[in-house]
C-alpha cells in the first residue's frame, strides 16, 4: 500500500483501534486478539490500528509490537493495518522500521515520551521518523506534542509520506487553522477520547473521520452513528449520544485510565477474551462492569 493509498483509505470511512489481548499474567495473547480483529474487520472500518493508544501502546515493550502487527495483518483480511509508534526519536525510528517489516501499512506517531519540545524539535523528530520508512505516517497532535500549522506545512513540504494529522487536543481553533492551511494535502482524523462526543465539532472544522474506541465492542452502533453524522442526520446522532455515549462517558469518567479500561471491559462483555489491562491502568470494578453490561445490552451488535 502506497502512502497515497493509505491516505485515501483513512479518509474513506470510520477508523478504530483494537484492544491488545493479554493473558492473565499480562503476556500478549495472539489467538483471541486475532479473533477479535477478524470480527471487527467484518464491519465498516476502513483502517484498523494495531498497538495504538486503545491497544495500550504505552504499556508494550517495543519488541512486542511487530508480533502484534503481524497478528493483526493475518486476521484483518483486506483491511489496512497501521501500527502505533512513539517515544524518543531513535526508539520511534526503530519501532517504525520494525513495524514496517512486520507488514504495517502505515505508522501513527504518538507524542514523544515525557517532555515538551519546541517546534524545531518536533519538526526534526517527525521528519526523521517519516524519512526512516516508506509507508504513510500520521502524526498525533495532543498532550506534549502540539504541532503548529506552520510546522506542519514545513513537514508536508519535505515528507511526502506524511499523509495524516490526528488531533486529540480539542483545540478547534488550531485544528481549523491546520485544515484551512493544509487543505487536501492531509487526511484529518479526530482523536479525542470517545471521539463521537466531539465528532460534530470536528466535522465542522474539516475533519471527515475519526477513530472510534467503542467500535471495539459495539461496532454496528459505531458505524450507525458515523453514517448518521456524515449524512447530516442530527436527530439520530442525538438519540445515540443520549442513549449510549453520554451514559458510557459517565462510566468512563469514574476513574483515570478508563478511556482504555472501559473499552477493554466492553470487549470482554461481548465475548472476546481480551484479558486484563496492564499496569499502570486498572480494570473496572464489578459494579462498573454491571453498569456497562446493562448499557451494552441495549445496543447489541
Protein backbone atom coordinates (compact mmCIF):
# COMPACT_ATOMS: atom_id res chain seq x y z
CA UNK A 1 0.00 0.00 0.00
CA UNK A 2 1.48 3.35 -1.03
CA UNK A 3 1.26 6.38 1.27
CA UNK A 4 -1.39 7.87 -1.03
CA UNK A 5 -3.36 4.61 -0.93
CA UNK A 6 -3.31 4.79 2.85
CA UNK A 7 -4.33 8.44 2.81
CA UNK A 8 -7.35 7.55 0.70
CA UNK A 9 -8.27 4.62 2.98
CA UNK A 10 -8.02 6.80 6.08
CA UNK A 11 -10.43 9.32 4.63
CA UNK A 12 -12.89 6.75 3.28
CA UNK A 13 -14.73 5.90 6.49
CA UNK A 14 -14.64 5.07 10.17
CA UNK A 15 -11.39 4.03 11.89
CA UNK A 16 -10.72 2.04 15.06
CA UNK A 17 -8.03 0.80 17.43
CA UNK A 18 -8.44 -2.83 18.53
CA UNK A 19 -7.51 -3.52 22.14
CA UNK A 20 -4.48 -5.77 22.66
CA UNK A 21 -5.41 -9.10 24.21
CA UNK A 22 -3.34 -10.26 27.17
CA UNK A 23 -3.24 -13.46 29.17
CA UNK A 24 -3.98 -13.37 32.90
CA UNK A 25 -0.27 -12.81 33.59
CA UNK A 26 -0.03 -9.97 31.06
CA UNK A 27 1.58 -11.65 28.02
CA UNK A 28 0.33 -10.92 24.50
CA UNK A 29 -2.37 -13.45 23.61
CA UNK A 30 -2.47 -13.74 19.81
CA UNK A 31 -5.36 -16.17 19.26
CA UNK A 32 -8.15 -14.12 20.90
CA UNK A 33 -6.59 -10.93 19.53
CA UNK A 34 -6.85 -12.28 16.01
CA UNK A 35 -10.39 -13.50 16.57
CA UNK A 36 -11.39 -10.01 17.72
CA UNK A 37 -9.62 -8.25 14.84
CA UNK A 38 -11.22 -10.65 12.38
CA UNK A 39 -14.66 -9.90 13.85
CA UNK A 40 -14.07 -6.16 13.61
CA UNK A 41 -12.87 -6.42 10.01
CA UNK A 42 -16.35 -7.60 9.06
CA UNK A 43 -17.77 -4.17 9.87
CA UNK A 44 -17.20 -0.93 8.00
CA UNK A 45 -13.95 0.37 9.47
CA UNK A 46 -11.63 1.33 6.62
CA UNK A 47 -8.40 1.12 8.66
CA UNK A 48 -7.53 -0.62 11.94
CA UNK A 49 -4.67 0.49 14.18
CA UNK A 50 -2.60 -2.22 15.90
CA UNK A 51 -0.80 -1.39 19.15
CA UNK A 52 -2.36 2.06 19.26
CA UNK A 53 -3.48 4.06 22.25
CA UNK A 54 -6.54 1.92 22.93
CA UNK A 55 -4.26 -1.07 22.29
CA UNK A 56 -2.12 0.02 25.28
CA UNK A 57 0.90 1.06 23.22
CA UNK A 58 2.25 2.86 26.28
CA UNK A 59 2.42 -0.47 28.18
CA UNK A 60 4.01 -2.52 25.41
CA UNK A 61 7.69 -3.31 25.08
CA UNK A 62 8.96 -2.19 21.66
CA UNK A 63 9.86 -5.77 20.73
CA UNK A 64 6.22 -6.85 21.26
CA UNK A 65 4.87 -4.52 18.59
CA UNK A 66 5.95 -6.43 15.44
CA UNK A 67 4.19 -9.61 16.64
CA UNK A 68 1.00 -7.64 17.28
CA UNK A 69 1.20 -6.05 13.83
CA UNK A 70 1.76 -9.42 12.15
CA UNK A 71 -1.16 -10.95 14.05
CA UNK A 72 -3.43 -8.07 13.01
CA UNK A 73 -2.36 -8.32 9.37
CA UNK A 74 -3.12 -12.05 9.31
CA UNK A 75 -6.56 -11.55 10.84
CA UNK A 76 -7.77 -8.38 9.13
CA UNK A 77 -8.18 -9.62 5.59
CA UNK A 78 -8.04 -6.65 3.22
CA UNK A 79 -8.38 -4.02 5.96
CA UNK A 80 -5.20 -1.92 6.18
CA UNK A 81 -3.27 -2.06 9.47
CA UNK A 82 -1.47 0.95 10.91
CA UNK A 83 1.00 0.49 13.76
CA UNK A 84 1.44 2.68 16.80
CA UNK A 85 4.86 4.26 17.22
CA UNK A 86 6.37 6.69 19.70
CA UNK A 87 8.82 7.56 22.49
CA UNK A 88 12.07 9.39 21.68
CA UNK A 89 13.31 9.79 18.13
CA UNK A 90 15.76 6.88 18.00
CA UNK A 91 13.28 4.47 19.61
CA UNK A 92 10.47 5.71 17.37
CA UNK A 93 12.58 5.10 14.27
CA UNK A 94 13.35 1.57 15.44
CA UNK A 95 9.68 0.82 16.18
CA UNK A 96 8.58 2.28 12.84
CA UNK A 97 11.09 0.21 10.87
CA UNK A 98 10.23 -2.98 12.73
CA UNK A 99 6.51 -2.39 12.22
CA UNK A 100 7.02 -1.79 8.51
CA UNK A 101 8.99 -5.06 8.24
CA UNK A 102 6.15 -6.82 10.07
CA UNK A 103 3.73 -5.68 7.38
CA UNK A 104 2.24 -2.45 8.73
CA UNK A 105 0.59 -0.36 6.02
CA UNK A 106 1.33 2.83 7.93
CA UNK A 107 2.60 4.41 11.15
CA UNK A 108 0.78 6.51 13.72
CA UNK A 109 3.38 8.61 15.53
CA UNK A 110 2.18 9.20 19.09
CA UNK A 111 3.57 12.02 21.26
CA UNK A 112 7.19 11.71 22.35
CA UNK A 113 7.91 10.48 25.85
CA UNK A 114 7.56 12.76 28.88
CA UNK A 115 8.89 16.14 27.80
CA UNK A 116 7.56 19.13 25.90
CA UNK A 117 9.60 20.15 22.88
CA UNK A 118 9.93 23.30 20.75
CA UNK A 119 8.51 23.35 17.25
CA UNK A 120 12.02 22.94 15.77
CA UNK A 121 12.47 19.76 17.80
CA UNK A 122 9.08 18.37 16.80
CA UNK A 123 9.88 19.11 13.16
CA UNK A 124 13.18 17.22 13.40
CA UNK A 125 11.59 14.31 15.28
CA UNK A 126 8.68 13.83 12.87
CA UNK A 127 10.85 14.28 9.78
CA UNK A 128 13.33 11.64 10.91
CA UNK A 129 10.58 9.11 11.56
CA UNK A 130 8.99 9.82 8.16
CA UNK A 131 12.38 9.50 6.47
CA UNK A 132 13.01 6.13 8.14
CA UNK A 133 10.13 4.29 6.44
CA UNK A 134 8.42 4.07 3.08
CA UNK A 135 4.87 3.67 4.36
CA UNK A 136 2.49 6.50 5.17
CA UNK A 137 2.80 8.32 8.51
CA UNK A 138 0.22 10.14 10.62
CA UNK A 139 1.12 12.47 13.48
CA UNK A 140 -0.95 12.57 16.66
CA UNK A 141 -1.41 16.13 17.88
CA UNK A 142 -2.06 16.03 21.65
CA UNK A 143 -0.59 16.50 25.12
CA UNK A 144 3.12 17.36 24.82
CA UNK A 145 3.17 17.16 21.00
CA UNK A 146 1.15 20.16 19.81
CA UNK A 147 2.15 20.92 16.23
CA UNK A 148 1.51 24.40 14.90
CA UNK A 149 0.15 24.91 11.40
CA UNK A 150 3.36 26.41 10.02
CA UNK A 151 5.44 23.50 11.37
CA UNK A 152 3.04 21.01 9.80
CA UNK A 153 3.21 22.88 6.49
CA UNK A 154 7.02 22.64 6.51
CA UNK A 155 6.81 18.93 7.28
CA UNK A 156 4.44 18.38 4.37
CA UNK A 157 6.94 20.04 2.04
CA UNK A 158 9.79 17.67 2.97
CA UNK A 159 7.94 14.46 3.95
CA UNK A 160 5.91 13.11 1.02
CA UNK A 161 4.83 10.10 3.09
CA UNK A 162 3.28 12.28 5.81
CA UNK A 163 -0.38 11.66 4.98
CA UNK A 164 -2.42 12.26 8.12
CA UNK A 165 -2.99 14.60 11.05
CA UNK A 166 -4.83 13.20 14.04
CA UNK A 167 -5.96 15.60 16.74
CA UNK A 168 -6.61 14.84 20.38
CA UNK A 169 -6.03 18.35 21.71
CA UNK A 170 -9.61 19.60 21.47
CA UNK A 171 -8.30 22.97 20.28
CA UNK A 172 -10.79 23.64 17.49
CA UNK A 173 -9.16 26.96 16.66
CA UNK A 174 -5.82 25.27 16.00
CA UNK A 175 -7.24 22.36 14.03
CA UNK A 176 -9.34 24.67 11.88
CA UNK A 177 -6.18 26.65 11.10
CA UNK A 178 -4.47 23.39 10.16
CA UNK A 179 -7.25 22.27 7.81
CA UNK A 180 -7.51 25.72 6.24
CA UNK A 181 -3.74 25.89 5.74
CA UNK A 182 -3.11 22.35 4.50
CA UNK A 183 -6.33 21.70 2.58
CA UNK A 184 -6.42 18.26 1.00
CA UNK A 185 -2.67 17.65 1.43
CA UNK A 186 -3.52 15.55 4.51
CA UNK A 187 -6.32 13.38 5.80
CA UNK A 188 -7.66 14.68 9.13
CA UNK A 189 -8.63 12.29 11.91
CA UNK A 190 -10.47 13.12 15.12
CA UNK A 191 -8.68 11.57 18.07
CA UNK A 192 -10.35 12.77 21.26
CA UNK A 193 -11.20 10.09 23.86
CA UNK A 194 -14.66 8.76 22.92
CA UNK A 195 -14.38 10.70 19.68
CA UNK A 196 -18.10 10.54 18.93
CA UNK A 197 -18.70 13.13 21.67
CA UNK A 198 -16.73 15.66 19.60
CA UNK A 199 -17.44 14.40 16.09
CA UNK A 200 -19.87 17.13 15.03
CA UNK A 201 -17.47 19.90 16.06
CA UNK A 202 -14.58 18.26 14.26
CA UNK A 203 -16.68 17.69 11.14
CA UNK A 204 -17.34 21.41 11.08
CA UNK A 205 -13.60 22.04 11.38
CA UNK A 206 -12.85 19.99 8.26
CA UNK A 207 -12.24 16.53 9.78
CA UNK A 208 -14.00 13.87 7.74
CA UNK A 209 -13.33 10.92 10.03
CA UNK A 210 -12.23 9.82 13.49
CA UNK A 211 -11.11 6.75 15.42
CA UNK A 212 -13.90 5.06 17.35
CA UNK A 213 -12.83 3.23 20.50
CA UNK A 214 -16.32 1.80 21.15
CA UNK A 215 -16.16 0.15 17.72
CA UNK A 216 -14.23 -2.50 19.69
CA UNK A 217 -17.43 -3.81 21.29
CA UNK A 218 -20.45 -2.13 19.64
CA UNK A 219 -19.23 -1.88 16.04
CA UNK A 220 -22.68 -1.76 14.47
CA UNK A 221 -23.69 1.16 16.67
CA UNK A 222 -20.41 2.96 15.98
CA UNK A 223 -20.96 2.61 12.24
CA UNK A 224 -24.58 3.74 12.56
CA UNK A 225 -23.51 6.89 14.39
CA UNK A 226 -20.81 7.64 11.82
CA UNK A 227 -23.28 7.15 8.96
CA UNK A 228 -25.83 9.44 10.62
CA UNK A 229 -23.15 12.06 11.22
CA UNK A 230 -21.92 12.07 7.64
CA UNK A 231 -25.46 12.16 6.22
CA UNK A 232 -26.44 15.10 8.44
CA UNK A 233 -28.98 13.14 10.45
CA UNK A 234 -28.65 15.14 13.67
CA UNK A 235 -31.76 13.64 15.21
CA UNK A 236 -30.30 10.12 15.07
CA UNK A 237 -26.90 11.36 16.27
CA UNK A 238 -28.52 12.96 19.30
CA UNK A 239 -30.52 9.81 20.02
CA UNK A 240 -27.36 7.71 20.04
CA UNK A 241 -25.41 10.27 22.05
CA UNK A 242 -28.15 10.44 24.67
CA UNK A 243 -28.90 6.72 24.72
CA UNK A 244 -25.35 5.36 24.64
CA UNK A 245 -22.44 7.77 24.58
CA UNK A 246 -23.36 10.03 27.49
CA UNK A 247 -24.07 7.06 29.80
CA UNK A 248 -20.82 5.48 28.61
CA UNK A 249 -18.99 8.74 29.34
CA UNK A 250 -20.34 8.63 32.91
CA UNK A 251 -18.76 5.19 33.38
CA UNK A 252 -15.54 6.22 31.64
CA UNK A 253 -15.19 9.27 33.88
CA UNK A 254 -15.38 7.30 37.13
CA UNK A 255 -11.62 6.74 37.17
CA UNK A 256 -8.49 7.83 35.36
CA UNK A 257 -7.47 5.41 32.63
CA UNK A 258 -10.99 4.17 31.99
CA UNK A 259 -10.89 5.61 28.46
CA UNK A 260 -8.94 2.42 27.73
CA UNK A 261 -10.05 0.10 30.56
CA UNK A 262 -13.76 0.60 29.86
CA UNK A 263 -13.22 -0.30 26.19
CA UNK A 264 -11.40 -3.49 27.12
CA UNK A 265 -14.16 -4.32 29.60
CA UNK A 266 -16.71 -3.90 26.82
CA UNK A 267 -14.77 -6.27 24.59
CA UNK A 268 -14.79 -8.92 27.33
CA UNK A 269 -18.51 -8.40 27.92
CA UNK A 270 -19.38 -9.12 24.28
CA UNK A 271 -17.50 -12.41 24.41
CA UNK A 272 -13.92 -11.74 23.31
CA UNK A 273 -11.10 -12.83 25.64
CA UNK A 274 -9.19 -9.55 25.72
CA UNK A 275 -7.79 -10.19 29.19
CA UNK A 276 -6.95 -7.50 31.74
CA UNK A 277 -5.35 -4.13 31.19
CA UNK A 278 -1.68 -3.81 32.04
CA UNK A 279 -0.47 -1.61 34.86
CA UNK A 280 -0.46 1.28 35.48
CA UNK A 281 -4.10 1.01 34.35
CA UNK A 282 -6.73 -0.78 36.44
CA UNK A 283 -9.80 -2.70 35.37
CA UNK A 284 -13.38 -1.69 36.11
CA UNK A 285 -14.97 -2.74 39.39
CA UNK A 286 -17.72 -5.37 39.49
CA UNK A 287 -20.31 -2.62 39.92
CA UNK A 288 -18.97 -0.74 36.91
CA UNK A 289 -18.90 -3.91 34.82
CA UNK A 290 -22.57 -4.43 35.63
CA UNK A 291 -23.32 -0.84 34.59
CA UNK A 292 -21.52 -1.33 31.29
CA UNK A 293 -23.17 -4.69 30.65
CA UNK A 294 -26.61 -3.12 31.08
CA UNK A 295 -25.73 -0.38 28.63
CA UNK A 296 -24.36 -2.77 26.02
CA UNK A 297 -27.46 -4.94 26.29
CA UNK A 298 -29.49 -2.04 24.90
CA UNK A 299 -27.38 -1.88 21.72
CA UNK A 300 -26.36 -5.38 20.60
CA UNK A 301 -24.09 -5.72 17.55
